[in-house]
């Protein structure tokens, strides 16, 4: 890709990490903090979305007043998520990836969902230890009844992602 194509695609300051035969590409911002505790999880989730054919960008934590924030997160302007920095941009949709610090517990699923909803309407939860779908869907419906906006919830389990909830 030429520099002008990178600019047009909004990929300045992003590097290609993986390309797939499906057409999916995983990009990573050059200023991603690789020492962050959830770096590997976010990267693995992003690669799984790309494997499914999506154009995925792993996005950095930047100050909302910076030009870089406007370039990456500009479409959050005017929403309740303005000033937030969700982890991934999948196509045109932001996703927040939520992990946990061991040991695993059902309460941590509640916390991951609560924290995720504060960053984005689209959430990926690390469910590698395996809480039941029924329990997670119950938690989602409880939050929706409280008036919280949730569009999609995906689960990351044993290196794969799958959708568990999509707003009707």
N, C-alpha and C. Protein backbone atom coordinates (compact mmCIF):
# COMPACT_ATOMS: atom_id res chain seq x y z
N UNK A 1 0.84 -1.19 0.00
CA UNK A 1 0.00 0.00 0.00
C UNK A 1 0.88 1.25 0.00
N UNK A 2 0.50 2.22 -0.81
CA UNK A 2 1.26 3.47 -0.86
C UNK A 2 0.88 4.33 0.35
N UNK A 3 1.68 5.35 0.59
CA UNK A 3 1.40 6.25 1.71
C UNK A 3 0.03 6.91 1.55
N UNK A 4 -0.32 7.34 0.32
CA UNK A 4 -1.62 7.96 0.08
C UNK A 4 -2.76 6.99 0.34
N UNK A 5 -2.58 5.71 -0.02
CA UNK A 5 -3.61 4.70 0.27
C UNK A 5 -3.77 4.51 1.77
N UNK A 6 -2.65 4.53 2.48
CA UNK A 6 -2.70 4.39 3.95
C UNK A 6 -3.49 5.54 4.57
N UNK A 7 -3.24 6.76 4.08
CA UNK A 7 -3.96 7.93 4.59
C UNK A 7 -5.45 7.80 4.29
N UNK A 8 -5.78 7.45 3.05
CA UNK A 8 -7.18 7.33 2.65
C UNK A 8 -7.90 6.25 3.47
N UNK A 9 -7.20 5.18 3.78
CA UNK A 9 -7.79 4.08 4.56
C UNK A 9 -7.76 4.38 6.06
N UNK A 10 -7.20 5.51 6.46
CA UNK A 10 -7.11 5.83 7.89
C UNK A 10 -6.11 4.95 8.62
N UNK A 11 -5.09 4.51 7.92
CA UNK A 11 -4.13 3.55 8.48
C UNK A 11 -2.78 4.16 8.79
N UNK A 12 -2.68 5.48 8.77
CA UNK A 12 -1.42 6.11 9.13
C UNK A 12 -1.13 5.73 10.58
N UNK A 13 0.11 5.42 10.87
CA UNK A 13 0.56 5.00 12.19
C UNK A 13 0.08 3.61 12.58
N UNK A 14 -0.41 2.84 11.62
CA UNK A 14 -0.78 1.44 11.85
C UNK A 14 0.13 0.57 11.00
N UNK A 15 0.50 -0.58 11.53
CA UNK A 15 1.28 -1.54 10.74
C UNK A 15 0.48 -2.82 10.59
N UNK A 16 0.64 -3.48 9.46
CA UNK A 16 -0.04 -4.76 9.23
C UNK A 16 0.68 -5.83 10.03
N UNK A 17 -0.07 -6.57 10.84
CA UNK A 17 0.49 -7.67 11.62
C UNK A 17 0.21 -9.00 10.93
N UNK A 18 -1.03 -9.17 10.46
CA UNK A 18 -1.41 -10.43 9.79
C UNK A 18 -2.41 -10.16 8.68
N UNK A 19 -2.24 -10.91 7.59
CA UNK A 19 -3.20 -10.92 6.48
C UNK A 19 -3.70 -12.36 6.33
N UNK A 20 -4.97 -12.48 5.96
CA UNK A 20 -5.56 -13.81 5.80
C UNK A 20 -6.11 -13.98 4.40
N UNK A 21 -6.19 -15.23 3.95
CA UNK A 21 -6.75 -15.54 2.63
C UNK A 21 -8.20 -15.08 2.53
N UNK A 22 -8.88 -14.98 3.67
CA UNK A 22 -10.27 -14.53 3.71
C UNK A 22 -10.40 -13.06 3.33
N UNK A 23 -9.26 -12.37 3.24
CA UNK A 23 -9.27 -10.93 2.95
C UNK A 23 -9.13 -10.09 4.21
N UNK A 24 -9.20 -10.75 5.35
CA UNK A 24 -9.07 -10.04 6.62
C UNK A 24 -7.64 -9.58 6.87
N UNK A 25 -7.53 -8.43 7.53
CA UNK A 25 -6.22 -7.88 7.87
C UNK A 25 -6.28 -7.38 9.31
N UNK A 26 -5.23 -7.68 10.07
CA UNK A 26 -5.11 -7.16 11.44
C UNK A 26 -3.99 -6.13 11.45
N UNK A 27 -4.36 -4.89 11.82
CA UNK A 27 -3.44 -3.77 11.92
C UNK A 27 -3.22 -3.46 13.40
N UNK A 28 -2.02 -2.98 13.71
CA UNK A 28 -1.73 -2.57 15.08
C UNK A 28 -1.16 -1.16 15.05
N UNK A 29 -1.66 -0.30 15.92
CA UNK A 29 -1.15 1.07 15.98
C UNK A 29 0.29 1.04 16.49
N UNK A 30 1.11 1.91 15.94
CA UNK A 30 2.53 1.91 16.29
C UNK A 30 2.78 2.27 17.75
N UNK A 31 1.84 2.97 18.39
CA UNK A 31 2.06 3.36 19.80
C UNK A 31 1.31 2.46 20.79
N UNK A 32 0.90 1.28 20.35
CA UNK A 32 0.25 0.32 21.27
C UNK A 32 1.24 -0.02 22.38
N UNK A 33 0.75 -0.05 23.60
CA UNK A 33 1.58 -0.41 24.75
C UNK A 33 1.62 -1.94 24.87
N UNK A 34 2.71 -2.52 24.44
CA UNK A 34 2.84 -3.98 24.43
C UNK A 34 3.06 -4.56 25.82
N UNK A 35 3.27 -3.72 26.82
CA UNK A 35 3.47 -4.22 28.17
C UNK A 35 2.16 -4.21 28.98
N UNK A 36 1.10 -3.68 28.37
CA UNK A 36 -0.19 -3.65 29.06
C UNK A 36 -0.68 -5.07 29.33
N UNK A 37 -1.35 -5.27 30.44
CA UNK A 37 -1.76 -6.61 30.87
C UNK A 37 -2.68 -7.30 29.86
N UNK A 38 -3.49 -6.52 29.13
CA UNK A 38 -4.43 -7.15 28.20
C UNK A 38 -3.95 -7.12 26.75
N UNK A 39 -2.69 -6.75 26.53
CA UNK A 39 -2.17 -6.64 25.16
C UNK A 39 -2.36 -7.93 24.37
N UNK A 40 -1.93 -9.04 24.93
CA UNK A 40 -1.98 -10.32 24.21
C UNK A 40 -3.43 -10.73 23.91
N UNK A 41 -4.32 -10.52 24.87
CA UNK A 41 -5.73 -10.85 24.69
C UNK A 41 -6.33 -10.02 23.55
N UNK A 42 -6.11 -8.71 23.58
CA UNK A 42 -6.65 -7.83 22.54
C UNK A 42 -6.10 -8.22 21.18
N UNK A 43 -4.83 -8.50 21.12
CA UNK A 43 -4.19 -8.90 19.86
C UNK A 43 -4.82 -10.20 19.34
N UNK A 44 -4.96 -11.20 20.20
CA UNK A 44 -5.53 -12.49 19.79
C UNK A 44 -6.97 -12.34 19.30
N UNK A 45 -7.76 -11.53 20.00
CA UNK A 45 -9.15 -11.29 19.60
C UNK A 45 -9.17 -10.60 18.24
N UNK A 46 -8.33 -9.58 18.06
CA UNK A 46 -8.27 -8.87 16.79
C UNK A 46 -7.88 -9.78 15.64
N UNK A 47 -6.93 -10.65 15.87
CA UNK A 47 -6.50 -11.60 14.84
C UNK A 47 -7.64 -12.55 14.50
N UNK A 48 -8.43 -12.96 15.49
CA UNK A 48 -9.57 -13.85 15.22
C UNK A 48 -10.64 -13.16 14.37
N UNK A 49 -10.92 -11.88 14.64
CA UNK A 49 -11.86 -11.13 13.79
C UNK A 49 -11.31 -11.05 12.36
N UNK A 50 -10.01 -10.78 12.22
CA UNK A 50 -9.39 -10.69 10.89
C UNK A 50 -9.45 -12.04 10.18
N UNK A 51 -9.26 -13.11 10.91
CA UNK A 51 -9.34 -14.46 10.32
C UNK A 51 -10.72 -14.68 9.68
N UNK A 52 -11.75 -14.04 10.26
CA UNK A 52 -13.12 -14.15 9.75
C UNK A 52 -13.37 -13.22 8.55
N UNK A 53 -12.32 -12.51 8.11
CA UNK A 53 -12.45 -11.66 6.93
C UNK A 53 -12.60 -10.18 7.21
N UNK A 54 -12.48 -9.78 8.46
CA UNK A 54 -12.67 -8.37 8.84
C UNK A 54 -11.38 -7.57 8.72
N UNK A 55 -11.54 -6.24 8.53
CA UNK A 55 -10.43 -5.29 8.60
C UNK A 55 -10.41 -4.80 10.04
N UNK A 56 -9.36 -5.12 10.78
CA UNK A 56 -9.32 -4.88 12.22
C UNK A 56 -8.11 -4.03 12.58
N UNK A 57 -8.36 -3.00 13.39
CA UNK A 57 -7.27 -2.17 13.90
C UNK A 57 -7.26 -2.24 15.42
N UNK A 58 -6.09 -2.55 15.96
CA UNK A 58 -5.89 -2.48 17.40
C UNK A 58 -5.52 -1.04 17.72
N UNK A 59 -6.31 -0.40 18.57
CA UNK A 59 -6.18 1.05 18.77
C UNK A 59 -5.50 1.37 20.11
N UNK A 60 -4.77 2.48 20.16
CA UNK A 60 -4.03 2.85 21.37
C UNK A 60 -4.85 3.70 22.33
N UNK A 61 -4.34 3.85 23.52
CA UNK A 61 -4.90 4.79 24.48
C UNK A 61 -4.22 6.13 24.20
N UNK A 62 -5.02 7.12 23.79
CA UNK A 62 -4.49 8.46 23.51
C UNK A 62 -5.41 9.50 24.14
N UNK A 63 -4.87 10.67 24.38
CA UNK A 63 -5.66 11.75 24.99
C UNK A 63 -6.70 12.25 24.00
N UNK A 64 -7.91 12.50 24.48
CA UNK A 64 -9.02 12.88 23.60
C UNK A 64 -8.83 14.23 22.91
N UNK A 65 -7.91 15.05 23.40
CA UNK A 65 -7.66 16.35 22.78
C UNK A 65 -6.63 16.26 21.65
N UNK A 66 -6.00 15.11 21.48
CA UNK A 66 -4.94 14.98 20.48
C UNK A 66 -5.51 14.80 19.08
N UNK A 67 -4.69 15.15 18.08
CA UNK A 67 -5.07 14.92 16.68
C UNK A 67 -5.26 13.43 16.43
N UNK A 68 -4.42 12.62 17.04
CA UNK A 68 -4.49 11.17 16.85
C UNK A 68 -5.83 10.62 17.35
N UNK A 69 -6.34 11.18 18.45
CA UNK A 69 -7.66 10.74 18.95
C UNK A 69 -8.72 11.04 17.89
N UNK A 70 -8.67 12.23 17.34
CA UNK A 70 -9.66 12.62 16.32
C UNK A 70 -9.56 11.73 15.09
N UNK A 71 -8.34 11.38 14.70
CA UNK A 71 -8.14 10.54 13.53
C UNK A 71 -8.68 9.13 13.76
N UNK A 72 -8.45 8.58 14.95
CA UNK A 72 -8.84 7.19 15.23
C UNK A 72 -10.28 7.10 15.74
N UNK A 73 -10.59 7.93 16.73
CA UNK A 73 -11.87 7.81 17.44
C UNK A 73 -12.86 8.93 17.11
N UNK A 74 -12.59 9.69 16.07
CA UNK A 74 -13.41 10.86 15.72
C UNK A 74 -14.89 10.57 15.63
N UNK A 75 -15.26 9.39 15.16
CA UNK A 75 -16.70 9.12 15.02
C UNK A 75 -17.39 8.87 16.36
N UNK A 76 -16.64 8.84 17.45
CA UNK A 76 -17.25 8.76 18.78
C UNK A 76 -17.71 10.13 19.27
N UNK A 77 -17.28 11.18 18.57
CA UNK A 77 -17.66 12.54 18.94
C UNK A 77 -19.19 12.66 18.95
N UNK A 78 -19.70 13.26 20.02
CA UNK A 78 -21.14 13.43 20.16
C UNK A 78 -21.85 12.22 20.76
N UNK A 79 -21.11 11.17 21.08
CA UNK A 79 -21.71 9.99 21.72
C UNK A 79 -21.26 9.94 23.17
N UNK A 80 -21.89 9.07 23.95
CA UNK A 80 -21.48 8.94 25.36
C UNK A 80 -20.11 8.28 25.48
N UNK A 81 -19.59 7.77 24.37
CA UNK A 81 -18.27 7.12 24.40
C UNK A 81 -17.14 8.07 23.99
N UNK A 82 -17.49 9.34 23.71
CA UNK A 82 -16.46 10.32 23.40
C UNK A 82 -15.51 10.41 24.59
N UNK A 83 -14.25 10.50 24.35
CA UNK A 83 -13.16 10.51 25.33
C UNK A 83 -12.72 9.10 25.72
N UNK A 84 -13.45 8.08 25.28
CA UNK A 84 -13.08 6.69 25.56
C UNK A 84 -12.16 6.19 24.45
N UNK A 85 -11.43 5.13 24.74
CA UNK A 85 -10.53 4.52 23.77
C UNK A 85 -10.78 3.02 23.72
N UNK A 86 -11.83 2.59 23.00
CA UNK A 86 -12.07 1.15 22.87
C UNK A 86 -10.86 0.45 22.24
N UNK A 87 -10.73 -0.85 22.49
CA UNK A 87 -9.53 -1.60 22.09
C UNK A 87 -9.40 -1.88 20.60
N UNK A 88 -10.52 -2.16 19.94
CA UNK A 88 -10.47 -2.59 18.54
C UNK A 88 -11.45 -1.81 17.67
N UNK A 89 -11.06 -1.60 16.43
CA UNK A 89 -11.97 -1.08 15.42
C UNK A 89 -12.10 -2.20 14.39
N UNK A 90 -13.27 -2.82 14.34
CA UNK A 90 -13.54 -3.93 13.43
C UNK A 90 -14.45 -3.38 12.34
N UNK A 91 -13.90 -3.23 11.14
CA UNK A 91 -14.64 -2.54 10.09
C UNK A 91 -14.84 -1.10 10.54
N UNK A 92 -16.09 -0.72 10.75
CA UNK A 92 -16.41 0.63 11.22
C UNK A 92 -16.93 0.63 12.66
N UNK A 93 -16.81 -0.50 13.36
CA UNK A 93 -17.40 -0.67 14.68
C UNK A 93 -16.33 -0.84 15.75
N UNK A 94 -16.47 -0.06 16.84
CA UNK A 94 -15.53 -0.19 17.95
C UNK A 94 -15.96 -1.31 18.89
N UNK A 95 -14.97 -2.04 19.40
CA UNK A 95 -15.20 -3.12 20.36
C UNK A 95 -14.27 -2.92 21.56
N UNK A 96 -14.79 -3.22 22.73
CA UNK A 96 -13.99 -3.22 23.95
C UNK A 96 -13.74 -4.68 24.33
N UNK A 97 -12.49 -5.01 24.58
CA UNK A 97 -12.12 -6.37 24.96
C UNK A 97 -11.87 -6.37 26.46
N UNK A 98 -12.56 -7.28 27.16
CA UNK A 98 -12.44 -7.34 28.62
C UNK A 98 -11.85 -8.67 29.07
N UNK A 99 -10.79 -8.59 29.84
CA UNK A 99 -10.16 -9.77 30.42
C UNK A 99 -10.30 -9.71 31.92
N UNK A 100 -9.61 -10.62 32.59
CA UNK A 100 -9.68 -10.65 34.05
C UNK A 100 -8.32 -11.07 34.59
N UNK A 101 -8.12 -10.78 35.85
CA UNK A 101 -6.91 -11.21 36.55
C UNK A 101 -7.28 -12.47 37.32
N UNK A 102 -6.57 -13.59 37.11
CA UNK A 102 -6.91 -14.84 37.80
C UNK A 102 -6.90 -14.65 39.31
N UNK A 103 -7.64 -15.44 40.06
CA UNK A 103 -8.45 -16.57 39.60
C UNK A 103 -9.79 -16.11 39.03
N UNK A 104 -10.38 -16.95 38.19
CA UNK A 104 -11.66 -16.67 37.54
C UNK A 104 -12.81 -16.82 38.52
N UNK A 105 -13.84 -15.98 38.38
CA UNK A 105 -15.07 -16.15 39.16
C UNK A 105 -16.22 -15.56 38.36
N UNK A 106 -17.44 -15.97 38.69
CA UNK A 106 -18.62 -15.44 37.99
C UNK A 106 -18.75 -13.94 38.21
N UNK A 107 -18.35 -13.45 39.38
CA UNK A 107 -18.40 -12.00 39.64
C UNK A 107 -17.54 -11.24 38.65
N UNK A 108 -16.46 -11.86 38.20
CA UNK A 108 -15.58 -11.18 37.25
C UNK A 108 -16.26 -11.02 35.90
N UNK A 109 -17.15 -11.95 35.54
CA UNK A 109 -17.92 -11.81 34.29
C UNK A 109 -18.80 -10.56 34.40
N UNK A 110 -19.45 -10.38 35.58
CA UNK A 110 -20.28 -9.18 35.80
C UNK A 110 -19.45 -7.92 35.63
N UNK A 111 -18.26 -7.92 36.23
CA UNK A 111 -17.38 -6.75 36.16
C UNK A 111 -16.91 -6.48 34.74
N UNK A 112 -16.56 -7.55 34.02
CA UNK A 112 -16.11 -7.38 32.63
C UNK A 112 -17.22 -6.76 31.78
N UNK A 113 -18.45 -7.22 31.98
CA UNK A 113 -19.58 -6.68 31.24
C UNK A 113 -19.82 -5.22 31.60
N UNK A 114 -19.80 -4.91 32.89
CA UNK A 114 -20.00 -3.52 33.35
C UNK A 114 -18.91 -2.60 32.78
N UNK A 115 -17.66 -3.04 32.88
CA UNK A 115 -16.56 -2.21 32.37
C UNK A 115 -16.63 -2.07 30.86
N UNK A 116 -16.98 -3.15 30.18
CA UNK A 116 -17.07 -3.11 28.72
C UNK A 116 -18.12 -2.14 28.24
N UNK A 117 -19.30 -2.15 28.88
CA UNK A 117 -20.40 -1.27 28.50
C UNK A 117 -20.02 0.19 28.69
N UNK A 118 -19.12 0.48 29.60
CA UNK A 118 -18.71 1.88 29.81
C UNK A 118 -17.80 2.37 28.67
N UNK A 119 -17.25 1.45 27.88
CA UNK A 119 -16.33 1.81 26.79
C UNK A 119 -16.96 1.71 25.40
N UNK A 120 -17.90 0.77 25.24
CA UNK A 120 -18.48 0.52 23.91
C UNK A 120 -19.76 -0.29 24.03
N UNK A 121 -20.60 -0.22 23.00
CA UNK A 121 -21.83 -1.03 22.95
C UNK A 121 -21.54 -2.43 22.44
N UNK A 122 -20.30 -2.67 22.03
CA UNK A 122 -19.87 -3.95 21.49
C UNK A 122 -18.71 -4.46 22.34
N UNK A 123 -18.87 -5.65 22.89
CA UNK A 123 -17.95 -6.13 23.91
C UNK A 123 -17.48 -7.53 23.56
N UNK A 124 -16.21 -7.81 23.86
CA UNK A 124 -15.67 -9.16 23.79
C UNK A 124 -15.21 -9.51 25.19
N UNK A 125 -15.70 -10.63 25.72
CA UNK A 125 -15.37 -11.06 27.08
C UNK A 125 -14.49 -12.31 27.01
N UNK A 126 -13.41 -12.30 27.78
CA UNK A 126 -12.57 -13.48 27.90
C UNK A 126 -13.30 -14.48 28.79
N UNK A 127 -13.79 -15.53 28.18
CA UNK A 127 -14.54 -16.56 28.92
C UNK A 127 -13.81 -17.90 28.83
N UNK A 128 -12.49 -17.85 28.83
CA UNK A 128 -11.69 -19.05 28.67
C UNK A 128 -11.97 -20.08 29.76
N UNK A 129 -12.29 -19.65 30.95
CA UNK A 129 -12.58 -20.60 32.04
C UNK A 129 -13.99 -21.16 31.94
N UNK A 130 -14.84 -20.55 31.11
CA UNK A 130 -16.09 -21.16 30.75
C UNK A 130 -17.30 -20.95 31.64
N UNK A 131 -17.74 -19.72 31.78
CA UNK A 131 -19.03 -19.47 32.41
C UNK A 131 -20.09 -19.86 31.38
N UNK A 132 -21.26 -20.29 31.81
CA UNK A 132 -22.27 -20.76 30.85
C UNK A 132 -22.84 -19.61 30.03
N UNK A 133 -23.23 -19.92 28.78
CA UNK A 133 -23.86 -18.92 27.92
C UNK A 133 -25.12 -18.39 28.59
N UNK A 134 -25.88 -19.27 29.19
CA UNK A 134 -27.14 -18.88 29.83
C UNK A 134 -26.90 -17.81 30.90
N UNK A 135 -25.86 -18.00 31.72
CA UNK A 135 -25.54 -17.03 32.78
C UNK A 135 -25.13 -15.70 32.16
N UNK A 136 -24.30 -15.73 31.13
CA UNK A 136 -23.82 -14.49 30.49
C UNK A 136 -24.98 -13.76 29.83
N UNK A 137 -25.85 -14.48 29.14
CA UNK A 137 -27.01 -13.86 28.48
C UNK A 137 -27.95 -13.25 29.52
N UNK A 138 -28.11 -13.91 30.67
CA UNK A 138 -28.92 -13.35 31.75
C UNK A 138 -28.33 -12.02 32.22
N UNK A 139 -27.01 -11.96 32.39
CA UNK A 139 -26.35 -10.72 32.81
C UNK A 139 -26.55 -9.61 31.77
N UNK A 140 -26.48 -9.98 30.49
CA UNK A 140 -26.67 -9.00 29.41
C UNK A 140 -28.09 -8.45 29.47
N UNK A 141 -29.07 -9.36 29.57
CA UNK A 141 -30.48 -8.93 29.61
C UNK A 141 -30.75 -8.05 30.85
N UNK A 142 -30.12 -8.36 31.98
CA UNK A 142 -30.26 -7.53 33.17
C UNK A 142 -29.79 -6.11 32.89
N UNK A 143 -28.65 -5.97 32.21
CA UNK A 143 -28.09 -4.64 31.89
C UNK A 143 -28.97 -3.91 30.89
N UNK A 144 -29.49 -4.63 29.90
CA UNK A 144 -30.36 -4.01 28.90
C UNK A 144 -31.64 -3.51 29.57
N UNK A 145 -32.17 -4.30 30.51
CA UNK A 145 -33.38 -3.86 31.25
C UNK A 145 -33.11 -2.59 32.05
N UNK A 146 -31.87 -2.40 32.48
CA UNK A 146 -31.49 -1.19 33.21
C UNK A 146 -31.31 0.01 32.28
N UNK A 147 -31.49 -0.23 30.98
CA UNK A 147 -31.38 0.87 30.01
C UNK A 147 -30.03 1.01 29.37
N UNK A 148 -29.12 0.08 29.62
CA UNK A 148 -27.79 0.17 29.01
C UNK A 148 -27.85 -0.35 27.57
N UNK A 149 -27.08 0.31 26.70
CA UNK A 149 -27.03 -0.06 25.29
C UNK A 149 -25.98 -1.15 25.09
N UNK A 150 -26.42 -2.30 24.60
CA UNK A 150 -25.50 -3.37 24.24
C UNK A 150 -25.92 -3.87 22.86
N UNK A 151 -25.03 -3.76 21.88
CA UNK A 151 -25.33 -4.23 20.52
C UNK A 151 -24.89 -5.67 20.32
N UNK A 152 -23.64 -5.96 20.68
CA UNK A 152 -23.09 -7.30 20.49
C UNK A 152 -22.22 -7.68 21.67
N UNK A 153 -22.25 -8.96 21.99
CA UNK A 153 -21.30 -9.51 22.97
C UNK A 153 -20.72 -10.78 22.34
N UNK A 154 -19.40 -10.82 22.29
CA UNK A 154 -18.67 -11.97 21.79
C UNK A 154 -17.92 -12.59 22.96
N UNK A 155 -17.68 -13.87 22.88
CA UNK A 155 -16.88 -14.56 23.88
C UNK A 155 -15.58 -15.03 23.24
N UNK A 156 -14.49 -14.84 23.98
CA UNK A 156 -13.19 -15.37 23.57
C UNK A 156 -12.95 -16.59 24.44
N UNK A 157 -12.86 -17.74 23.79
CA UNK A 157 -12.68 -19.00 24.52
C UNK A 157 -11.67 -19.87 23.80
N UNK A 158 -10.64 -20.26 24.51
CA UNK A 158 -9.63 -21.20 23.98
C UNK A 158 -9.11 -20.78 22.61
N UNK A 159 -8.82 -19.48 22.46
CA UNK A 159 -8.21 -18.98 21.23
C UNK A 159 -9.17 -18.65 20.10
N UNK A 160 -10.47 -18.79 20.32
CA UNK A 160 -11.47 -18.50 19.28
C UNK A 160 -12.49 -17.50 19.81
N UNK A 161 -13.19 -16.82 18.87
CA UNK A 161 -14.27 -15.92 19.27
C UNK A 161 -15.58 -16.42 18.69
N UNK A 162 -16.65 -16.15 19.42
CA UNK A 162 -17.98 -16.47 18.91
C UNK A 162 -18.97 -15.49 19.52
N UNK A 163 -19.99 -15.15 18.71
CA UNK A 163 -21.00 -14.22 19.18
C UNK A 163 -21.98 -14.96 20.10
N UNK A 164 -22.29 -14.33 21.24
CA UNK A 164 -23.25 -14.92 22.16
C UNK A 164 -24.53 -14.07 22.25
N UNK A 165 -24.44 -12.79 21.81
CA UNK A 165 -25.60 -11.90 21.90
C UNK A 165 -25.51 -10.87 20.79
N UNK A 166 -26.65 -10.61 20.16
CA UNK A 166 -26.76 -9.50 19.19
C UNK A 166 -28.13 -8.86 19.41
N UNK A 167 -28.11 -7.52 19.51
CA UNK A 167 -29.35 -6.77 19.72
C UNK A 167 -30.31 -7.04 18.57
N UNK A 168 -31.57 -7.26 18.91
CA UNK A 168 -32.58 -7.57 17.87
C UNK A 168 -33.01 -6.31 17.17
